[in-house]
């Protein structure tokens, strides 16, 4: 399931901030935790659940519930049903989304002029 995201994942812009949310915590339903488990099936099922979630935002992440953050990238590692939680990350909205393309075109144009 590499590269797939939840159908419930969404982004929202509030002021100068872009927030990404994915409510995957809903996956961690109480699958019989209150019931008796004479054969230890709950523990076996719990150890079989592993979710590794990777996210890249357009700017540096300034707030998140991720396990690891490196600049604009975040990682969540949920290795059992008790650690499954909603995904949340926040960054500043890019001022000019096409600035990298514009910069690349300027550099290409200058390099072409210098060759002549």
N, C-alpha and C. Protein backbone atom coordinates (compact mmCIF):
# COMPACT_ATOMS: atom_id res chain seq x y z
N UNK A 1 0.81 -1.19 0.00
CA UNK A 1 0.00 0.00 0.00
C UNK A 1 0.85 1.25 0.00
N UNK A 2 2.04 1.19 -0.54
CA UNK A 2 2.91 2.34 -0.59
C UNK A 2 2.27 3.44 -1.43
N UNK A 3 2.32 4.66 -0.91
CA UNK A 3 1.83 5.81 -1.65
C UNK A 3 0.33 6.03 -1.56
N UNK A 4 -0.39 5.18 -0.87
CA UNK A 4 -1.83 5.37 -0.74
C UNK A 4 -2.13 6.19 0.50
N UNK A 5 -3.18 6.97 0.43
CA UNK A 5 -3.58 7.71 1.62
C UNK A 5 -5.05 7.43 1.90
N UNK A 6 -5.44 7.78 3.07
CA UNK A 6 -6.81 7.57 3.50
C UNK A 6 -7.77 8.43 2.69
N UNK A 7 -8.97 7.93 2.48
CA UNK A 7 -9.99 8.71 1.79
C UNK A 7 -10.44 9.89 2.64
N UNK A 8 -10.18 9.83 3.93
CA UNK A 8 -10.61 10.89 4.83
C UNK A 8 -9.55 11.96 5.04
N UNK A 9 -8.36 11.81 4.47
CA UNK A 9 -7.29 12.79 4.64
C UNK A 9 -7.68 14.10 3.95
N UNK A 10 -7.28 15.21 4.56
CA UNK A 10 -7.61 16.51 3.98
C UNK A 10 -6.61 17.57 4.43
N UNK A 11 -6.56 18.67 3.69
CA UNK A 11 -5.76 19.83 4.06
C UNK A 11 -6.69 21.02 4.22
N UNK A 12 -6.27 21.95 5.04
CA UNK A 12 -7.04 23.17 5.21
C UNK A 12 -6.08 24.34 5.40
N UNK A 13 -6.46 25.48 4.88
CA UNK A 13 -5.67 26.69 5.05
C UNK A 13 -6.42 27.60 6.01
N UNK A 14 -5.70 28.04 7.03
CA UNK A 14 -6.26 28.95 8.02
C UNK A 14 -5.24 30.07 8.22
N UNK A 15 -5.55 31.24 7.69
CA UNK A 15 -4.60 32.35 7.78
C UNK A 15 -3.35 32.04 6.97
N UNK A 16 -2.20 32.08 7.63
CA UNK A 16 -0.92 31.83 6.97
C UNK A 16 -0.46 30.39 7.10
N UNK A 17 -1.34 29.49 7.54
CA UNK A 17 -0.92 28.12 7.83
C UNK A 17 -1.71 27.09 7.02
N UNK A 18 -0.99 26.06 6.62
CA UNK A 18 -1.57 24.91 5.92
C UNK A 18 -1.51 23.73 6.88
N UNK A 19 -2.65 23.10 7.11
CA UNK A 19 -2.73 21.97 8.04
C UNK A 19 -3.16 20.72 7.29
N UNK A 20 -2.46 19.62 7.53
CA UNK A 20 -2.80 18.32 6.96
C UNK A 20 -3.31 17.44 8.09
N UNK A 21 -4.43 16.77 7.85
CA UNK A 21 -4.98 15.85 8.84
C UNK A 21 -5.45 14.57 8.15
N UNK A 22 -5.25 13.47 8.85
CA UNK A 22 -5.76 12.18 8.39
C UNK A 22 -6.26 11.45 9.64
N UNK A 23 -7.58 11.30 9.77
CA UNK A 23 -8.15 10.69 10.98
C UNK A 23 -8.06 9.16 10.98
N UNK A 24 -6.84 8.64 10.89
CA UNK A 24 -6.69 7.17 10.87
C UNK A 24 -6.86 6.56 12.25
N UNK A 25 -6.96 7.38 13.28
CA UNK A 25 -7.20 6.86 14.62
C UNK A 25 -8.49 6.07 14.69
N UNK A 26 -9.39 6.34 13.73
CA UNK A 26 -10.65 5.58 13.67
C UNK A 26 -10.40 4.10 13.41
N UNK A 27 -9.23 3.79 12.84
CA UNK A 27 -8.90 2.38 12.55
C UNK A 27 -8.69 1.58 13.83
N UNK A 28 -8.34 2.27 14.89
CA UNK A 28 -8.04 1.58 16.15
C UNK A 28 -9.31 1.42 16.98
N UNK A 29 -10.29 0.80 16.40
CA UNK A 29 -11.54 0.58 17.13
C UNK A 29 -11.31 -0.43 18.25
N UNK A 30 -12.18 -0.40 19.20
CA UNK A 30 -12.09 -1.35 20.31
C UNK A 30 -12.56 -2.71 19.84
N UNK A 31 -11.69 -3.46 19.23
CA UNK A 31 -12.05 -4.76 18.69
C UNK A 31 -12.07 -5.83 19.79
N UNK A 32 -13.08 -5.71 20.65
CA UNK A 32 -13.25 -6.74 21.67
C UNK A 32 -12.36 -6.60 22.87
N UNK A 33 -11.85 -5.41 23.16
CA UNK A 33 -10.96 -5.25 24.30
C UNK A 33 -11.68 -5.43 25.63
N UNK A 34 -12.98 -5.17 25.64
CA UNK A 34 -13.74 -5.30 26.88
C UNK A 34 -14.24 -6.73 27.09
N UNK A 35 -14.13 -7.54 26.07
CA UNK A 35 -14.61 -8.91 26.17
C UNK A 35 -13.50 -9.83 26.67
N UNK A 36 -13.90 -10.98 27.17
CA UNK A 36 -12.90 -11.96 27.59
C UNK A 36 -12.15 -12.48 26.37
N UNK A 37 -10.89 -12.81 26.57
CA UNK A 37 -10.05 -13.28 25.47
C UNK A 37 -9.24 -14.50 25.96
N UNK A 38 -9.92 -15.65 26.11
CA UNK A 38 -9.25 -16.81 26.69
C UNK A 38 -8.12 -17.37 25.82
N UNK A 39 -8.12 -17.10 24.53
CA UNK A 39 -7.10 -17.67 23.64
C UNK A 39 -6.00 -16.68 23.28
N UNK A 40 -6.04 -15.46 23.81
CA UNK A 40 -5.00 -14.47 23.55
C UNK A 40 -5.03 -13.90 22.14
N UNK A 41 -6.18 -13.90 21.50
CA UNK A 41 -6.28 -13.41 20.12
C UNK A 41 -6.10 -11.89 20.03
N UNK A 42 -6.56 -11.16 21.03
CA UNK A 42 -6.40 -9.70 20.99
C UNK A 42 -4.93 -9.32 20.93
N UNK A 43 -4.12 -9.98 21.73
CA UNK A 43 -2.68 -9.69 21.74
C UNK A 43 -2.04 -10.08 20.41
N UNK A 44 -2.46 -11.21 19.85
CA UNK A 44 -1.92 -11.64 18.55
C UNK A 44 -2.30 -10.66 17.45
N UNK A 45 -3.54 -10.20 17.45
CA UNK A 45 -3.97 -9.22 16.45
C UNK A 45 -3.25 -7.89 16.64
N UNK A 46 -3.04 -7.51 17.88
CA UNK A 46 -2.38 -6.25 18.18
C UNK A 46 -0.96 -6.23 17.65
N UNK A 47 -0.25 -7.34 17.76
CA UNK A 47 1.14 -7.38 17.29
C UNK A 47 1.23 -7.45 15.77
N UNK A 48 0.12 -7.74 15.10
CA UNK A 48 0.14 -7.82 13.64
C UNK A 48 -0.10 -6.46 12.97
N UNK A 49 -0.49 -5.46 13.73
CA UNK A 49 -0.82 -4.15 13.16
C UNK A 49 0.41 -3.25 13.20
N UNK A 50 0.83 -2.79 12.00
CA UNK A 50 1.95 -1.86 11.90
C UNK A 50 1.62 -0.85 10.81
N UNK A 51 1.70 0.43 11.15
CA UNK A 51 1.44 1.49 10.18
C UNK A 51 2.64 2.43 10.19
N UNK A 52 3.22 2.65 9.02
CA UNK A 52 4.30 3.62 8.85
C UNK A 52 3.79 4.66 7.87
N UNK A 53 3.71 5.89 8.30
CA UNK A 53 3.07 6.97 7.54
C UNK A 53 4.12 8.04 7.29
N UNK A 54 4.29 8.43 6.03
CA UNK A 54 5.28 9.44 5.65
C UNK A 54 4.57 10.59 4.95
N UNK A 55 4.97 11.81 5.28
CA UNK A 55 4.33 13.00 4.73
C UNK A 55 5.39 14.03 4.39
N UNK A 56 5.20 14.69 3.25
CA UNK A 56 6.06 15.80 2.86
C UNK A 56 5.18 17.03 2.63
N UNK A 57 5.47 18.10 3.34
CA UNK A 57 4.71 19.35 3.25
C UNK A 57 5.48 20.33 2.36
N UNK A 58 4.81 21.39 1.87
CA UNK A 58 5.49 22.34 0.99
C UNK A 58 6.50 23.25 1.69
N UNK A 59 6.40 23.41 3.00
CA UNK A 59 7.34 24.21 3.78
C UNK A 59 7.72 23.45 5.04
N UNK A 60 8.64 24.01 5.81
CA UNK A 60 9.08 23.38 7.05
C UNK A 60 7.89 23.19 8.00
N UNK A 61 7.81 22.00 8.59
CA UNK A 61 6.74 21.67 9.52
C UNK A 61 7.01 22.37 10.85
N UNK A 62 6.01 23.13 11.31
CA UNK A 62 6.18 23.89 12.55
C UNK A 62 5.42 23.29 13.72
N UNK A 63 4.48 22.38 13.44
CA UNK A 63 3.73 21.72 14.51
C UNK A 63 3.21 20.39 13.98
N UNK A 64 3.32 19.35 14.79
CA UNK A 64 2.88 18.03 14.37
C UNK A 64 2.87 17.07 15.55
N UNK A 65 2.17 15.95 15.38
CA UNK A 65 2.22 14.88 16.38
C UNK A 65 3.04 13.70 15.85
N UNK A 66 3.92 13.96 14.87
CA UNK A 66 4.75 12.92 14.26
C UNK A 66 5.81 12.41 15.23
N UNK A 67 6.30 11.21 14.96
CA UNK A 67 7.39 10.65 15.74
C UNK A 67 8.72 11.32 15.38
N UNK A 68 8.91 11.63 14.09
CA UNK A 68 10.14 12.27 13.61
C UNK A 68 9.78 13.37 12.62
N UNK A 69 10.46 14.51 12.73
CA UNK A 69 10.30 15.62 11.79
C UNK A 69 11.68 16.06 11.34
N UNK A 70 11.83 16.22 10.03
CA UNK A 70 13.08 16.72 9.46
C UNK A 70 12.72 17.73 8.38
N UNK A 71 12.71 19.01 8.76
CA UNK A 71 12.36 20.06 7.81
C UNK A 71 10.89 19.97 7.41
N UNK A 72 10.66 19.64 6.13
CA UNK A 72 9.28 19.56 5.63
C UNK A 72 8.77 18.12 5.56
N UNK A 73 9.51 17.19 6.15
CA UNK A 73 9.11 15.77 6.12
C UNK A 73 8.82 15.27 7.53
N UNK A 74 7.78 14.44 7.63
CA UNK A 74 7.39 13.88 8.93
C UNK A 74 7.13 12.39 8.79
N UNK A 75 7.36 11.65 9.90
CA UNK A 75 7.15 10.20 9.92
C UNK A 75 6.39 9.82 11.18
N UNK A 76 5.44 8.93 11.00
CA UNK A 76 4.70 8.33 12.11
C UNK A 76 4.94 6.83 12.03
N UNK A 77 5.31 6.22 13.15
CA UNK A 77 5.53 4.77 13.20
C UNK A 77 4.66 4.20 14.31
N UNK A 78 3.59 3.56 13.88
CA UNK A 78 2.62 2.99 14.82
C UNK A 78 2.73 1.48 14.71
N UNK A 79 3.25 0.85 15.75
CA UNK A 79 3.58 -0.57 15.66
C UNK A 79 2.59 -1.49 16.35
N UNK A 80 1.52 -0.93 16.91
CA UNK A 80 0.44 -1.76 17.45
C UNK A 80 -0.82 -0.91 17.51
N UNK A 81 -1.93 -1.54 17.80
CA UNK A 81 -3.21 -0.82 17.76
C UNK A 81 -3.29 0.28 18.81
N UNK A 82 -2.56 0.14 19.90
CA UNK A 82 -2.58 1.18 20.94
C UNK A 82 -1.87 2.46 20.51
N UNK A 83 -0.98 2.36 19.54
CA UNK A 83 -0.23 3.55 19.11
C UNK A 83 -0.84 4.24 17.89
N UNK A 84 -1.93 3.68 17.33
CA UNK A 84 -2.57 4.31 16.17
C UNK A 84 -3.25 5.60 16.62
N UNK A 85 -2.95 6.67 15.91
CA UNK A 85 -3.51 7.98 16.24
C UNK A 85 -3.73 8.77 14.95
N UNK A 86 -4.50 9.83 15.04
CA UNK A 86 -4.73 10.69 13.88
C UNK A 86 -3.41 11.36 13.47
N UNK A 87 -3.29 11.62 12.20
CA UNK A 87 -2.11 12.28 11.64
C UNK A 87 -2.37 13.78 11.60
N UNK A 88 -1.37 14.57 12.03
CA UNK A 88 -1.52 16.02 12.05
C UNK A 88 -0.16 16.66 11.76
N UNK A 89 -0.15 17.62 10.83
CA UNK A 89 1.06 18.39 10.56
C UNK A 89 0.66 19.78 10.07
N UNK A 90 1.48 20.76 10.42
CA UNK A 90 1.17 22.15 10.08
C UNK A 90 2.43 22.86 9.60
N UNK A 91 2.28 23.66 8.54
CA UNK A 91 3.39 24.46 8.03
C UNK A 91 2.84 25.80 7.56
N UNK A 92 3.75 26.72 7.25
CA UNK A 92 3.30 27.99 6.70
C UNK A 92 2.93 27.79 5.24
N UNK A 93 1.94 28.54 4.78
CA UNK A 93 1.52 28.48 3.38
C UNK A 93 2.65 29.06 2.53
N UNK A 94 3.03 28.39 1.44
CA UNK A 94 4.08 28.94 0.57
C UNK A 94 3.63 30.29 0.00
N UNK A 95 4.54 31.27 0.02
CA UNK A 95 4.20 32.59 -0.49
C UNK A 95 4.01 32.56 -2.00
N UNK A 96 4.96 31.97 -2.69
CA UNK A 96 4.89 31.84 -4.15
C UNK A 96 5.15 30.39 -4.51
N UNK A 97 4.12 29.60 -4.71
CA UNK A 97 4.31 28.18 -4.97
C UNK A 97 5.19 27.88 -6.18
N UNK A 98 5.19 28.75 -7.19
CA UNK A 98 5.99 28.50 -8.39
C UNK A 98 7.38 29.09 -8.34
N UNK A 99 7.83 29.53 -7.15
CA UNK A 99 9.13 30.19 -7.07
C UNK A 99 10.27 29.28 -7.49
N UNK A 100 10.20 28.01 -7.19
CA UNK A 100 11.30 27.12 -7.58
C UNK A 100 11.35 26.96 -9.10
N UNK A 101 10.22 26.90 -9.75
CA UNK A 101 10.18 26.82 -11.21
C UNK A 101 10.69 28.12 -11.80
N UNK A 102 10.26 29.25 -11.25
CA UNK A 102 10.71 30.55 -11.73
C UNK A 102 12.22 30.69 -11.58
N UNK A 103 12.76 30.30 -10.44
CA UNK A 103 14.20 30.37 -10.20
C UNK A 103 14.96 29.50 -11.20
N UNK A 104 14.45 28.31 -11.44
CA UNK A 104 15.10 27.40 -12.39
C UNK A 104 15.12 28.00 -13.79
N UNK A 105 14.02 28.60 -14.21
CA UNK A 105 13.96 29.22 -15.53
C UNK A 105 14.92 30.40 -15.63
N UNK A 106 15.03 31.20 -14.57
CA UNK A 106 15.97 32.33 -14.56
C UNK A 106 17.40 31.85 -14.68
N UNK A 107 17.75 30.81 -13.93
CA UNK A 107 19.11 30.26 -13.99
C UNK A 107 19.39 29.72 -15.39
N UNK A 108 18.43 29.02 -15.97
CA UNK A 108 18.60 28.49 -17.33
C UNK A 108 18.79 29.63 -18.33
N UNK A 109 18.00 30.69 -18.20
CA UNK A 109 18.08 31.84 -19.09
C UNK A 109 19.44 32.53 -18.96
N UNK A 110 19.92 32.74 -17.74
CA UNK A 110 21.22 33.38 -17.52
C UNK A 110 22.34 32.50 -18.07
N UNK A 111 22.25 31.19 -17.85
CA UNK A 111 23.28 30.29 -18.36
C UNK A 111 23.32 30.32 -19.89
N UNK A 112 22.16 30.41 -20.52
CA UNK A 112 22.09 30.48 -21.99
C UNK A 112 22.71 31.77 -22.48
N UNK A 113 22.45 32.88 -21.81
CA UNK A 113 23.04 34.16 -22.20
C UNK A 113 24.55 34.16 -22.05
N UNK A 114 25.05 33.49 -21.01
CA UNK A 114 26.49 33.46 -20.76
C UNK A 114 27.22 32.65 -21.81
N UNK A 115 26.59 31.67 -22.40
CA UNK A 115 27.23 30.84 -23.44
C UNK A 115 27.45 31.63 -24.71
N UNK A 116 26.63 32.64 -24.96
CA UNK A 116 26.73 33.41 -26.21
C UNK A 116 27.81 34.39 -26.13
